Protein backbone atom coordinates (compact mmCIF):
# COMPACT_ATOMS: atom_id res chain seq x y z
CA MET A 1 -0.08 0.09 -0.05
CA VAL A 2 1.58 3.18 -1.30
CA VAL A 3 1.23 6.57 0.85
CA GLU A 4 1.92 9.99 -0.61
CA VAL A 5 1.41 13.11 1.27
CA LYS A 6 1.25 16.47 -0.75
CA ASN A 7 1.93 19.91 0.59
CA LEU A 8 0.32 19.12 3.97
CA SER A 9 -0.38 21.77 6.75
CA LYS A 10 -2.05 21.74 9.95
CA SER A 11 -2.17 24.19 12.78
CA PHE A 12 -3.98 24.41 16.07
CA GLY A 13 -4.96 28.03 16.87
CA ASN A 14 -1.75 30.02 15.85
CA HIS A 15 0.93 27.26 16.18
CA ILE A 16 1.74 26.00 13.03
CA VAL A 17 2.46 21.77 13.69
CA LEU A 18 2.85 20.73 10.23
CA ASP A 19 4.28 23.31 7.26
CA ASN A 20 3.70 22.32 3.80
CA ILE A 21 4.78 18.64 4.48
CA SER A 22 5.50 16.28 0.98
CA LEU A 23 6.50 12.81 1.12
CA LYS A 24 6.00 9.49 -0.21
CA ILE A 25 6.18 5.99 1.36
CA SER A 26 6.53 2.95 -0.83
CA GLU A 27 5.15 -0.39 -0.71
CA GLY A 28 6.65 -2.60 1.72
CA GLU A 29 8.72 0.17 3.09
CA ASN A 30 9.26 0.52 6.97
CA PHE A 31 9.40 4.25 7.12
CA VAL A 32 10.24 6.12 10.43
CA ILE A 33 9.21 9.54 11.40
CA PHE A 34 11.54 11.33 14.09
CA GLY A 35 11.31 14.42 15.79
CA ARG A 36 11.19 16.15 19.43
CA SER A 37 8.29 15.82 21.35
CA GLY A 38 5.65 18.56 19.84
CA THR A 39 6.96 18.54 16.53
CA GLY A 40 3.92 17.11 14.97
CA LYS A 41 4.74 13.32 14.31
CA SER A 42 1.55 11.89 15.93
CA VAL A 43 -0.46 14.76 14.09
CA LEU A 44 1.09 13.79 11.01
CA LEU A 45 0.46 9.83 11.48
CA LYS A 46 -3.21 10.87 12.43
CA CYS A 47 -3.88 13.02 9.23
CA ILE A 48 -2.77 10.22 7.38
CA VAL A 49 -5.87 8.05 8.12
CA ARG A 50 -7.92 11.02 8.48
CA LEU A 51 -8.39 11.04 12.16
CA LEU A 52 -7.41 14.57 12.15
CA LEU A 53 -8.35 16.82 9.29
CA PRO A 54 -5.21 18.87 7.77
CA ASP A 55 -5.88 22.60 6.90
CA SER A 56 -4.67 22.20 3.42
CA GLY A 57 -2.85 19.33 1.22
CA GLU A 58 -3.65 15.99 -0.07
CA ILE A 59 -3.16 12.76 0.95
CA PHE A 60 -3.21 9.86 -1.20
CA ILE A 61 -3.55 6.14 -0.32
CA ASP A 62 -3.16 3.43 -3.11
CA GLY A 63 -3.81 6.41 -5.48
CA GLN A 64 -7.10 7.69 -3.81
CA ASN A 65 -7.12 10.84 -2.19
CA ILE A 66 -8.80 10.10 1.47
CA LEU A 67 -9.45 13.83 1.73
CA ASN A 68 -12.13 13.35 -0.76
CA LEU A 69 -13.79 10.25 0.24
CA SER A 70 -17.06 9.62 1.97
CA GLU A 71 -17.04 8.37 5.49
CA LYS A 72 -18.31 4.86 4.02
CA GLU A 73 -15.44 4.83 1.15
CA LEU A 74 -12.95 5.77 3.91
CA ASN A 75 -13.85 2.94 6.02
CA LYS A 76 -13.18 0.46 3.01
CA ILE A 77 -9.68 1.53 3.18
CA ARG A 78 -9.11 1.81 7.23
CA LYS A 79 -10.30 -2.03 7.18
CA TYR A 80 -6.65 -2.58 5.66
CA ILE A 81 -4.94 -0.18 7.73
CA GLY A 82 -3.58 -1.48 11.56
CA PHE A 83 -2.96 1.39 13.92
CA VAL A 84 -0.69 0.42 17.24
CA PHE A 85 -1.48 3.42 19.67
CA GLN A 86 1.00 4.82 21.88
CA SER A 87 -1.02 3.48 25.10
CA SER A 88 -2.09 0.27 23.40
CA ALA A 89 -5.79 1.69 23.98
CA LEU A 90 -6.88 -2.12 24.94
CA TYR A 91 -10.46 -1.94 26.50
CA ASP A 92 -10.03 -2.65 30.20
CA SER A 93 -13.30 -4.25 30.45
CA MET A 94 -12.73 -6.79 27.81
CA THR A 95 -10.24 -9.89 27.84
CA VAL A 96 -7.55 -10.11 25.43
CA LYS A 97 -9.74 -12.34 23.21
CA GLU A 98 -12.61 -10.07 23.26
CA ASN A 99 -10.30 -7.03 22.41
CA LEU A 100 -8.84 -8.92 19.34
CA GLU A 101 -12.30 -10.02 18.35
CA PHE A 102 -13.77 -6.68 18.50
CA PRO A 103 -12.54 -5.30 14.76
CA LEU A 104 -13.30 -8.86 13.38
CA ILE A 105 -17.04 -8.61 14.50
CA ARG A 106 -17.21 -4.97 13.69
CA ASN A 107 -15.60 -5.21 10.15
CA PHE A 108 -16.11 -8.58 8.89
CA GLU A 109 -18.35 -11.41 8.56
CA PHE A 110 -16.74 -14.46 10.03
CA THR A 111 -18.02 -17.28 11.80
CA ALA A 112 -17.20 -17.61 15.58
CA GLU A 113 -14.85 -20.60 14.49
CA GLU A 114 -13.13 -18.07 12.06
CA ARG A 115 -12.73 -15.49 14.64
CA GLU A 116 -11.15 -18.04 17.08
CA ASN A 117 -8.70 -19.36 14.68
CA LYS A 118 -7.60 -15.84 13.74
CA ILE A 119 -7.16 -14.72 17.40
CA ARG A 120 -5.34 -17.68 18.18
CA SER A 121 -2.91 -17.27 15.37
CA VAL A 122 -2.00 -13.56 15.91
CA LEU A 123 -1.52 -14.42 19.54
CA GLU A 124 1.03 -17.17 18.19
CA LYS A 125 2.60 -14.44 16.17
CA VAL A 126 3.48 -12.38 19.32
CA ASP A 127 4.44 -15.27 21.59
CA LEU A 128 1.06 -14.76 23.85
CA ALA A 129 -0.81 -17.55 22.96
CA GLY A 130 -1.44 -18.09 26.94
CA ALA A 131 -3.06 -14.71 27.49
CA ILE A 132 -5.98 -15.07 25.72
CA ASN A 133 -8.40 -15.20 28.53
CA LYS A 134 -6.40 -12.49 30.38
CA MET A 135 -7.77 -9.04 31.43
CA PRO A 136 -5.46 -5.87 30.49
CA ALA A 137 -4.76 -5.38 34.12
CA GLU A 138 -3.10 -8.74 34.27
CA LEU A 139 -0.31 -7.61 31.40
CA SER A 140 2.90 -5.82 31.77
CA GLY A 141 3.39 -3.15 29.54
CA GLY A 142 5.65 -5.18 27.08
CA MET A 143 2.44 -7.61 27.01
CA LYS A 144 -0.07 -5.10 26.09
CA LYS A 145 2.14 -3.73 23.40
CA ARG A 146 2.44 -7.48 21.94
CA ILE A 147 -1.61 -7.51 22.29
CA GLY A 148 -1.51 -4.22 20.59
CA LEU A 149 0.33 -5.17 17.76
CA ALA A 150 -1.73 -8.36 17.55
CA ARG A 151 -4.76 -6.25 17.13
CA SER A 152 -3.47 -4.12 14.30
CA ILE A 153 -2.48 -7.44 12.43
CA ILE A 154 -5.60 -9.52 12.88
CA THR A 155 -7.51 -7.57 10.04
CA GLU A 156 -4.58 -8.58 7.70
CA PRO A 157 -3.76 -5.05 7.07
CA LYS A 158 -1.78 -3.63 4.15
CA LEU A 159 -0.30 -0.84 6.05
CA ILE A 160 0.43 -0.30 9.65
CA LEU A 161 0.84 2.77 11.68
CA TYR A 162 3.00 2.50 14.92
CA ASP A 163 2.79 5.49 17.19
CA GLU A 164 5.62 5.25 19.60
CA PRO A 165 5.72 1.47 19.95
CA THR A 166 8.37 1.35 22.48
CA THR A 167 7.84 4.51 24.59
CA GLY A 168 7.95 3.42 28.49
CA LEU A 169 9.48 -0.04 27.81
CA ASP A 170 12.83 -1.36 29.12
CA PRO A 171 15.83 -1.68 26.62
CA ILE A 172 15.55 -5.34 26.31
CA THR A 173 11.61 -5.31 25.65
CA THR A 174 12.29 -2.21 23.19
CA LYS A 175 14.52 -4.50 21.43
CA GLU A 176 11.83 -7.35 21.25
CA ILE A 177 9.19 -5.20 20.10
CA SER A 178 11.55 -3.64 17.31
CA HIS A 179 12.47 -6.75 16.18
CA LEU A 180 8.68 -7.93 16.25
CA ILE A 181 7.70 -5.23 14.00
CA VAL A 182 10.25 -6.20 11.43
CA GLU A 183 9.12 -9.83 11.65
CA LEU A 184 5.65 -9.16 10.97
CA GLN A 185 6.67 -6.68 8.22
CA LYS A 186 8.36 -9.61 6.36
CA ASP A 187 5.69 -12.43 7.34
CA LEU A 188 2.78 -10.05 6.17
CA ASN A 189 4.30 -7.97 3.47
CA VAL A 190 2.98 -4.71 4.72
CA THR A 191 4.17 -1.25 4.55
CA ALA A 192 4.87 0.27 7.90
CA ILE A 193 4.83 4.11 9.42
CA VAL A 194 6.64 4.01 12.66
CA VAL A 195 6.62 7.29 14.50
CA THR A 196 9.53 7.20 17.31
CA HIS A 197 12.09 9.25 19.10
CA ASP A 198 13.65 5.85 19.85
CA LEU A 199 16.88 5.31 18.07
CA VAL A 200 17.45 1.87 18.89
CA CYS A 201 13.88 0.95 17.60
CA ALA A 202 14.59 3.04 14.51
CA HIS A 203 17.98 1.41 13.68
CA ILE A 204 16.29 -2.06 14.02
CA VAL A 205 13.28 -1.24 11.95
CA ALA A 206 13.92 1.61 9.47
CA ASN A 207 14.38 1.41 5.69
CA HIS A 208 13.66 5.08 5.24
CA ALA A 209 13.50 8.08 7.59
CA ILE A 210 12.55 11.72 8.03
CA VAL A 211 13.22 14.26 10.63
CA LEU A 212 10.81 16.93 11.81
CA LYS A 213 11.65 20.46 12.78
CA ASP A 214 9.64 23.50 13.13
CA GLY A 215 6.77 21.93 11.09
CA LYS A 216 9.06 21.05 8.24
CA ILE A 217 11.16 17.85 6.92
CA ARG A 218 14.79 18.73 8.13
CA TYR A 219 16.18 15.45 6.93
CA GLU A 220 15.07 12.59 4.39
CA GLY A 221 16.91 9.42 3.37
CA ALA A 222 18.56 6.36 4.77
CA LEU A 223 18.86 6.31 8.55
CA GLY A 224 22.68 5.51 8.53
CA LYS A 225 23.47 8.82 7.04
CA LEU A 226 22.25 10.61 10.08
CA THR A 227 25.35 10.04 11.77
CA SER A 228 27.79 11.72 9.47
CA THR A 229 25.63 14.88 8.60
CA ASP A 230 27.25 18.34 9.27
CA ASP A 231 23.84 19.55 10.32
CA GLU A 232 24.09 20.80 14.00
CA PHE A 233 20.55 20.08 15.08
CA LEU A 234 20.59 16.48 13.62
CA ASN A 235 24.05 15.83 15.55
CA ASP A 236 22.61 17.24 18.57
CA PHE A 237 19.46 15.18 18.26
CA PHE A 238 20.88 11.97 17.47
CA ASP A 239 23.87 12.15 19.78
CA ASN A 240 21.23 12.99 22.87
CA GLU A 241 19.13 10.10 21.62
CA TYR A 242 21.72 7.45 21.67
CA PHE A 243 23.00 8.54 24.96
CA GLU A 244 19.61 8.04 26.74
CA ASP A 245 19.08 4.85 24.85
CA LYS A 246 22.45 3.27 25.75
CA ASN A 247 21.50 4.05 29.28
CA GLY A 248 18.20 2.73 29.19
CA ARG A 249 16.51 6.22 30.11
CA LYS A 250 13.55 7.98 28.02
């Protein structure tokens, strides 16, 4: 699933968050969006699936400008988009099974047996088959992230959006979740957009990266080139991020 953003702008009051942003994400790519807190990373992600409406610009998913679609037409596209929220966003009153079953009941006409098989299959992919009947309160932070991943892939999406998938996790779990993102991308042949400030995660998952600053794209290209740039802002940003990740701090 190819994503293209053209001349996208978004403000909140007098505060310009995104300023004429353009980018293209190729099919099968793991695309990372970097930037400091408040630079519009999550806003850009939410605009891409029209959870937020931009002030101007165009957003194309598989050649369709989603800003021109009806809600019904948009939902047809959203059926094939998985979204992993920063907080995992599990329903506290539902078991793991019920959380995973919810999007299947809402969007598809599977039998109870088909839903059961899909739930067990995705839980095996994230190594949590034994958690099927647990409540979210019984899960660790890392387990919640895995269940969030499971819910995002249960509809067999073509595009997965990750909003800070490793926030609040210890360094070991961060690496486990990052490698899981790569495994899922390869196994399911999906396109992924990953919003993060975590350099460890980005080094593991990224094929391509952008860095946002002051509402604009400060850098775009291969992640490896960031460490050899002459840009003072990029050097400071990534030196600090690397130092924090090395010491397990966020």
